Amino acid sequence: MGVGVAQNGVQDGSQDDLAKLEQRIAAAKSGRESKPHMEEHYSQAQLAWRMVIELVAGLGIGFGIGYGLDWLFGTLPFLMVIFTFLGLAAGVQTMIRSAKEIQAANMAAAAADEEKRAKDGD
C-alpha cells in the first residue's frame, strides 16, 4: 500500500489540490458582488402583474365604496356605477404612474451604462 493517508483521512497528495480548490472558490466568491434587495431588477412579468393588480384594486375599491353608499342611501345602481368608473380611472392613473417610474429607472440605468462605457473607452 504505497499511498499514504493523512490524519484526517485525505491523501497526502490531495491536500495541495484541496488548498488550490479552496483558493479558487474564495476567489470566485469575492468576485461576485451581492446586490442590495432594492437594486434587483424585476422581470417584465412581475411589472405586468403589478399593473394588473393596481387596476383591479382600483376597480374593487371603487365598486365597494359605491355599493356601500348605495346600500346606505338606498340608491342601489347609481353610486355603484359612478364609483366603479372612478375606481377604474384611479387604477389607470396608478398604472400610468408606475409605468413612468419604471421608464425613468430604465433610462437612468441606460445613461449610467453609457457613461461607464464612455469612461472605459477613454
Protein backbone atom coordinates (compact mmCIF):
# COMPACT_ATOMS: atom_id res chain seq x y z
CA MET A 1 0.00 0.00 0.00
CA GLY A 2 2.12 2.79 -1.34
CA VAL A 3 -0.39 5.63 -0.85
CA GLY A 4 -0.09 7.43 2.46
CA VAL A 5 -3.15 8.73 4.29
CA ALA A 6 -3.05 11.85 6.45
CA GLN A 7 -4.62 12.04 9.88
CA ASN A 8 -7.92 13.45 8.64
CA GLY A 9 -8.37 10.75 6.02
CA VAL A 10 -7.25 12.79 3.00
CA GLN A 11 -4.39 11.51 0.89
CA ASP A 12 -1.13 13.44 1.23
CA GLY A 13 -1.01 14.39 -2.45
CA SER A 14 -4.60 15.66 -2.40
CA GLN A 15 -4.01 18.28 0.28
CA ASP A 16 -2.30 20.60 -2.18
CA ASP A 17 -5.13 20.13 -4.66
CA LEU A 18 -7.65 20.81 -1.92
CA ALA A 19 -5.88 24.02 -0.90
CA LYS A 20 -5.81 25.18 -4.55
CA LEU A 21 -9.52 24.41 -4.90
CA GLU A 22 -10.34 26.38 -1.75
CA GLN A 23 -8.36 29.35 -3.11
CA ARG A 24 -10.26 29.20 -6.41
CA ILE A 25 -13.60 29.05 -4.59
CA ALA A 26 -12.65 32.02 -2.40
CA ALA A 27 -11.56 34.00 -5.47
CA ALA A 28 -14.82 33.21 -7.25
CA LYS A 29 -16.88 34.25 -4.23
CA SER A 30 -15.01 37.52 -3.80
CA GLY A 31 -15.51 38.37 -7.49
CA ARG A 32 -19.27 38.23 -7.09
CA GLU A 33 -20.87 41.32 -5.65
CA SER A 34 -24.13 40.86 -3.81
CA LYS A 35 -26.70 43.48 -4.75
CA PRO A 36 -28.96 45.02 -2.16
CA HIS A 37 -32.58 43.91 -2.33
CA MET A 38 -33.78 47.25 -3.68
CA GLU A 39 -31.44 47.05 -6.68
CA GLU A 40 -32.86 43.80 -8.01
CA HIS A 41 -34.24 44.03 -11.49
CA TYR A 42 -37.79 42.90 -11.90
CA SER A 43 -38.89 40.85 -14.84
CA GLN A 44 -41.46 42.14 -17.28
CA ALA A 45 -44.00 39.62 -15.97
CA GLN A 46 -43.68 40.97 -12.43
CA LEU A 47 -44.19 44.51 -13.68
CA ALA A 48 -47.23 43.47 -15.70
CA TRP A 49 -48.77 41.71 -12.69
CA ARG A 50 -48.14 44.80 -10.57
CA MET A 51 -50.06 46.94 -13.05
CA VAL A 52 -52.92 44.44 -13.31
CA ILE A 53 -53.23 44.30 -9.52
CA GLU A 54 -53.27 48.11 -9.34
CA LEU A 55 -56.09 48.25 -11.89
CA VAL A 56 -58.15 45.53 -10.22
CA ALA A 57 -57.61 47.10 -6.79
CA GLY A 58 -58.90 50.44 -8.08
CA LEU A 59 -61.97 48.77 -9.56
CA GLY A 60 -62.63 46.76 -6.40
CA ILE A 61 -62.28 49.72 -4.07
CA GLY A 62 -64.49 51.91 -6.28
CA PHE A 63 -67.12 49.18 -6.51
CA GLY A 64 -67.03 48.60 -2.76
CA ILE A 65 -67.41 52.28 -1.90
CA GLY A 66 -70.22 52.71 -4.44
CA TYR A 67 -72.10 49.64 -3.28
CA GLY A 68 -71.72 50.67 0.36
CA LEU A 69 -73.02 54.16 -0.30
CA ASP A 70 -75.90 52.80 -2.40
CA TRP A 71 -76.85 50.41 0.41
CA LEU A 72 -76.64 53.26 2.92
CA PHE A 73 -78.74 55.70 0.87
CA GLY A 74 -80.99 53.14 -0.88
CA THR A 75 -79.98 54.17 -4.43
CA LEU A 76 -78.59 50.80 -5.47
CA PRO A 77 -77.22 51.04 -9.03
CA PHE A 78 -76.49 54.78 -9.21
CA LEU A 79 -73.46 55.33 -6.95
CA MET A 80 -72.07 51.86 -7.58
CA VAL A 81 -71.68 52.61 -11.31
CA ILE A 82 -70.21 56.06 -10.70
CA PHE A 83 -67.65 54.85 -8.14
CA THR A 84 -66.73 51.83 -10.27
CA PHE A 85 -65.81 54.21 -13.10
CA LEU A 86 -63.93 56.43 -10.64
CA GLY A 87 -62.05 53.35 -9.39
CA LEU A 88 -61.21 52.42 -12.98
CA ALA A 89 -59.86 55.93 -13.58
CA ALA A 90 -57.80 55.77 -10.39
CA GLY A 91 -56.42 52.34 -11.35
CA VAL A 92 -55.42 53.53 -14.82
CA GLN A 93 -53.79 56.63 -13.34
CA THR A 94 -51.80 54.47 -10.92
CA MET A 95 -50.75 52.18 -13.78
CA ILE A 96 -49.52 55.16 -15.80
CA ARG A 97 -47.59 56.50 -12.79
CA SER A 98 -45.95 53.09 -12.30
CA ALA A 99 -45.03 52.88 -15.98
CA LYS A 100 -43.41 56.33 -15.85
CA GLU A 101 -41.49 55.33 -12.73
CA ILE A 102 -40.21 52.16 -14.39
CA GLN A 103 -39.32 54.05 -17.57
CA ALA A 104 -37.36 56.65 -15.58
CA ALA A 105 -35.44 53.92 -13.77
CA ASN A 106 -34.61 52.19 -17.06
CA MET A 107 -33.49 55.48 -18.63
CA ALA A 108 -31.24 56.23 -15.64
CA ALA A 109 -29.69 52.77 -15.83
CA ALA A 110 -29.09 53.14 -19.56
CA ALA A 111 -27.47 56.55 -19.05
CA ALA A 112 -25.22 55.16 -16.30
CA ASP A 113 -24.17 52.27 -18.55
CA GLU A 114 -23.44 54.66 -21.41
CA GLU A 115 -21.39 56.92 -19.12
CA LYS A 116 -19.43 53.93 -17.83
CA ARG A 117 -18.68 52.79 -21.39
CA ALA A 118 -17.56 56.30 -22.29
CA LYS A 119 -15.15 56.38 -19.33
CA ASP A 120 -13.79 52.93 -20.13
CA GLY A 121 -13.30 53.92 -23.78
CA ASP A 122 -11.10 56.94 -22.95
